[in-house]
Amino acid sequence: MQLYNTADAYRPLYAHLMDVTKVNTEHILLTEAMANRDVERAVLLNYEHRAHSIDNLTEALMQEQAELTS
């Protein structure tokens, strides 16, 4: 929960870019990996999930910068 709360400040910046179905699927897969105590899979899925968020945030910030400079 702490990690989720940490992202609260940034999430509104890229929420419009999120594929909610994909995000929900990633959460389900993460939960299943944790329930199965599959640490390697959970770590990999978490890394991929964070990477998608970083990609969306980067895109949103680049769009905002382009709007400010045009």
Protein backbone atom coordinates (compact mmCIF):
# COMPACT_ATOMS: atom_id res chain seq x y z
CA MET A 1 0.00 0.00 0.00
CA GLN A 2 2.88 2.36 0.73
CA LEU A 3 4.17 2.02 -2.85
CA TYR A 4 0.70 2.75 -4.23
CA ASN A 5 0.38 5.84 -2.02
CA THR A 6 3.81 7.04 -3.11
CA ALA A 7 2.58 7.13 -6.71
CA ASP A 8 -0.54 9.15 -5.82
CA ALA A 9 1.15 12.44 -6.66
CA TYR A 10 2.06 11.26 -10.16
CA ARG A 11 -0.88 9.09 -11.17
CA PRO A 12 -3.16 11.98 -12.22
CA LEU A 13 -0.48 13.12 -14.67
CA TYR A 14 -0.65 9.91 -16.68
CA ALA A 15 -4.02 8.38 -15.80
CA HIS A 16 -5.39 9.27 -19.22
CA LEU A 17 -2.68 7.12 -20.82
CA MET A 18 -3.31 4.04 -18.69
CA ASP A 19 -4.80 0.89 -20.17
CA VAL A 20 -7.02 0.00 -17.21
CA THR A 21 -7.63 -3.54 -18.44
CA LYS A 22 -3.87 -4.12 -18.69
CA VAL A 23 -3.27 -2.60 -15.24
CA ASN A 24 -5.96 -4.80 -13.68
CA THR A 25 -4.53 -7.90 -15.37
CA GLU A 26 -1.06 -7.02 -14.06
CA HIS A 27 -2.49 -6.66 -10.53
CA ILE A 28 -4.22 -10.03 -10.78
CA LEU A 29 -1.04 -11.73 -12.01
CA LEU A 30 0.97 -10.10 -9.21
CA THR A 31 -1.56 -11.25 -6.62
CA GLU A 32 -1.52 -14.79 -8.00
CA ALA A 33 2.28 -14.91 -7.96
CA MET A 34 2.33 -13.75 -4.35
CA ALA A 35 -0.39 -16.22 -3.36
CA ASN A 36 1.68 -18.98 -4.95
CA ARG A 37 4.79 -17.70 -3.17
CA ASP A 38 6.49 -17.41 -6.54
CA VAL A 39 8.97 -14.72 -5.58
CA GLU A 40 10.84 -14.64 -8.88
CA ARG A 41 7.62 -14.20 -10.87
CA ALA A 42 6.27 -11.57 -8.48
CA VAL A 43 9.49 -9.57 -8.72
CA LEU A 44 9.50 -9.80 -12.52
CA LEU A 45 5.83 -8.82 -12.79
CA ASN A 46 6.32 -5.93 -10.38
CA TYR A 47 9.30 -4.69 -12.38
CA GLU A 48 7.28 -4.83 -15.60
CA HIS A 49 4.30 -3.12 -13.98
CA ARG A 50 6.48 -0.28 -12.67
CA ALA A 51 8.14 0.06 -16.07
CA HIS A 52 4.74 0.54 -17.73
CA SER A 53 3.91 3.26 -15.20
CA ILE A 54 7.25 4.96 -15.81
CA ASP A 55 6.65 4.80 -19.57
CA ASN A 56 3.24 6.44 -19.15
CA LEU A 57 4.57 9.13 -16.84
CA THR A 58 7.46 9.88 -19.19
CA GLU A 59 5.06 10.19 -22.13
CA ALA A 60 2.74 12.49 -20.16
CA LEU A 61 5.61 14.74 -19.11
CA MET A 62 6.93 14.89 -22.67
CA GLN A 63 3.47 15.84 -23.94
CA GLU A 64 3.21 18.55 -21.30
CA GLN A 65 6.65 19.90 -22.18
CA ALA A 66 5.76 19.94 -25.90
CA GLU A 67 2.58 21.90 -25.12
CA LEU A 68 4.55 24.43 -23.07
CA THR A 69 7.17 24.97 -25.75
CA SER A 70 4.82 25.24 -28.72
